Amino acid sequence: MNYAGIIPVRIGASTAPSVRQVQYNKKVTTKIHKFSDGTAGGSEGRPEYDWSLTCSCDRDKQAILDLIEDAKATGELTITFDIGSRSHMLVGCLVSGESYSSDNDGTADLTITGVAPDLIRVR
């Protein structure tokens, strides 16, 4: 059996450079309704998504930040990632944070976080 190891990521139509980790979380508000006759039922709301990309920092520039700015300037920020033979796209993405970190082993990271209202399966 083969396992997925690397998840390719695209910002808009461009490959996202130096992304080392991609993560997205789906959250759905759910509610159990208990009725006076002793029965119960459930309901669920619309899903929400939060995401993060962790990248290696380039010394002279952050190309991924340029891709995000360009996507915002031309319309909508989308993030597409492939897991096995399936492609998923987060649409309407909003950036909620950026953080930089460094440690003594020579690693410098940029983590970009955000939210998206929709996830669609592209293929």
Protein backbone atom coordinates (compact mmCIF):
# COMPACT_ATOMS: atom_id res chain seq x y z
CA MET A 1 0.00 0.00 0.00
CA ASN A 2 1.30 3.47 -0.88
CA TYR A 3 0.62 6.46 1.34
CA ALA A 4 0.40 10.14 0.42
CA GLY A 5 3.50 11.94 1.58
CA ILE A 6 3.63 15.29 -0.16
CA ILE A 7 0.53 17.37 -0.76
CA PRO A 8 0.98 19.77 -3.70
CA VAL A 9 -0.49 23.23 -3.06
CA ARG A 10 -1.53 25.96 -5.49
CA ILE A 11 -2.45 29.58 -4.86
CA GLY A 12 -4.81 30.46 -7.70
CA ALA A 13 -3.28 28.68 -10.69
CA SER A 14 0.35 28.93 -9.50
CA THR A 15 2.25 26.31 -7.55
CA ALA A 16 2.92 27.55 -4.02
CA PRO A 17 6.70 27.58 -3.51
CA SER A 18 8.45 26.15 -0.45
CA VAL A 19 5.27 24.98 1.34
CA ARG A 20 6.26 22.29 3.81
CA GLN A 21 2.94 21.74 5.54
CA VAL A 22 -0.68 22.34 4.61
CA GLN A 23 -3.56 21.88 7.02
CA TYR A 24 -7.26 22.53 6.84
CA ASN A 25 -9.97 21.89 9.38
CA LYS A 26 -13.69 21.55 8.73
CA LYS A 27 -16.01 22.72 11.50
CA VAL A 28 -19.75 22.14 11.50
CA THR A 29 -22.04 23.43 14.23
CA THR A 30 -24.35 20.64 15.36
CA LYS A 31 -27.27 20.67 17.74
CA ILE A 32 -29.30 17.94 19.44
CA HIS A 33 -32.96 18.91 19.89
CA LYS A 34 -34.84 17.20 22.74
CA PHE A 35 -38.60 17.42 22.58
CA SER A 36 -41.20 17.30 25.35
CA ASP A 37 -42.63 14.00 24.04
CA GLY A 38 -39.31 12.25 24.74
CA THR A 39 -38.07 12.17 21.15
CA ALA A 40 -34.92 13.80 19.91
CA GLY A 41 -33.47 14.94 16.63
CA GLY A 42 -30.41 16.63 15.33
CA SER A 43 -29.47 19.42 12.98
CA GLU A 44 -26.26 20.69 11.52
CA GLY A 45 -25.20 24.05 10.15
CA ARG A 46 -23.03 25.00 7.21
CA PRO A 47 -19.40 23.98 7.41
CA GLU A 48 -16.62 26.50 7.98
CA TYR A 49 -12.98 25.91 7.14
CA ASP A 50 -9.76 27.20 8.62
CA TRP A 51 -6.39 26.57 7.01
CA SER A 52 -2.69 27.07 7.49
CA LEU A 53 0.37 26.89 5.27
CA THR A 54 3.86 26.53 6.72
CA CYS A 55 6.66 27.54 4.38
CA SER A 56 10.42 27.75 4.46
CA CYS A 57 11.55 31.37 4.45
CA ASP A 58 13.61 32.54 1.49
CA ARG A 59 16.42 34.92 2.35
CA ASP A 60 15.51 37.65 -0.10
CA LYS A 61 11.75 37.38 -0.70
CA GLN A 62 8.57 35.59 0.19
CA ALA A 63 7.14 34.51 -3.16
CA ILE A 64 4.08 32.95 -1.53
CA LEU A 65 3.09 36.33 -0.06
CA ASP A 66 3.35 37.82 -3.55
CA LEU A 67 1.08 35.05 -4.92
CA ILE A 68 -1.50 35.77 -2.21
CA GLU A 69 -1.39 39.53 -2.86
CA ASP A 70 -1.74 38.97 -6.62
CA ALA A 71 -4.71 36.63 -6.14
CA LYS A 72 -6.44 39.17 -3.90
CA ALA A 73 -5.78 41.98 -6.40
CA THR A 74 -7.24 40.03 -9.32
CA GLY A 75 -10.35 38.82 -7.53
CA GLU A 76 -10.57 35.83 -5.23
CA LEU A 77 -7.94 33.98 -3.22
CA THR A 78 -8.21 30.22 -3.74
CA ILE A 79 -5.99 27.48 -2.32
CA THR A 80 -5.99 24.12 -4.09
CA PHE A 81 -4.34 20.98 -2.78
CA ASP A 82 -4.11 17.41 -4.04
CA ILE A 83 -4.56 14.39 -1.82
CA GLY A 84 -3.98 11.26 -3.85
CA SER A 85 -6.12 11.46 -6.98
CA ARG A 86 -8.50 14.07 -5.52
CA SER A 87 -8.11 17.84 -5.74
CA HIS A 88 -9.83 20.16 -3.28
CA MET A 89 -10.16 23.94 -3.52
CA LEU A 90 -10.77 26.35 -0.67
CA VAL A 91 -12.59 29.33 -2.21
CA GLY A 92 -13.08 32.83 -0.86
CA CYS A 93 -10.03 32.50 1.39
CA LEU A 94 -9.20 35.24 3.86
CA VAL A 95 -5.81 35.55 5.55
CA SER A 96 -6.15 35.90 9.32
CA GLY A 97 -2.51 35.81 10.36
CA GLU A 98 1.17 35.50 9.55
CA SER A 99 3.86 34.31 11.92
CA TYR A 100 7.58 33.90 11.53
CA SER A 101 9.74 31.62 13.64
CA SER A 102 13.34 30.53 13.73
CA ASP A 103 15.34 28.11 15.81
CA ASN A 104 18.96 27.17 16.40
CA ASP A 105 19.03 24.38 13.80
CA GLY A 106 18.88 26.92 10.98
CA THR A 107 15.18 26.59 10.20
CA ALA A 108 13.15 29.73 9.53
CA ASP A 109 9.43 29.27 8.99
CA LEU A 110 6.57 31.41 7.79
CA THR A 111 3.09 30.24 8.77
CA ILE A 112 0.08 31.81 7.09
CA THR A 113 -3.37 31.13 8.55
CA GLY A 114 -6.85 31.91 7.36
CA VAL A 115 -10.46 30.94 6.91
CA ALA A 116 -12.64 29.99 3.95
CA PRO A 117 -16.40 29.72 3.59
CA ASP A 118 -16.38 26.89 1.06
CA LEU A 119 -14.42 23.82 0.00
CA ILE A 120 -15.15 22.23 -3.36
CA ARG A 121 -13.88 19.00 -4.82
CA VAL A 122 -12.31 19.83 -8.18
CA ARG A 123 -11.67 16.24 -9.27
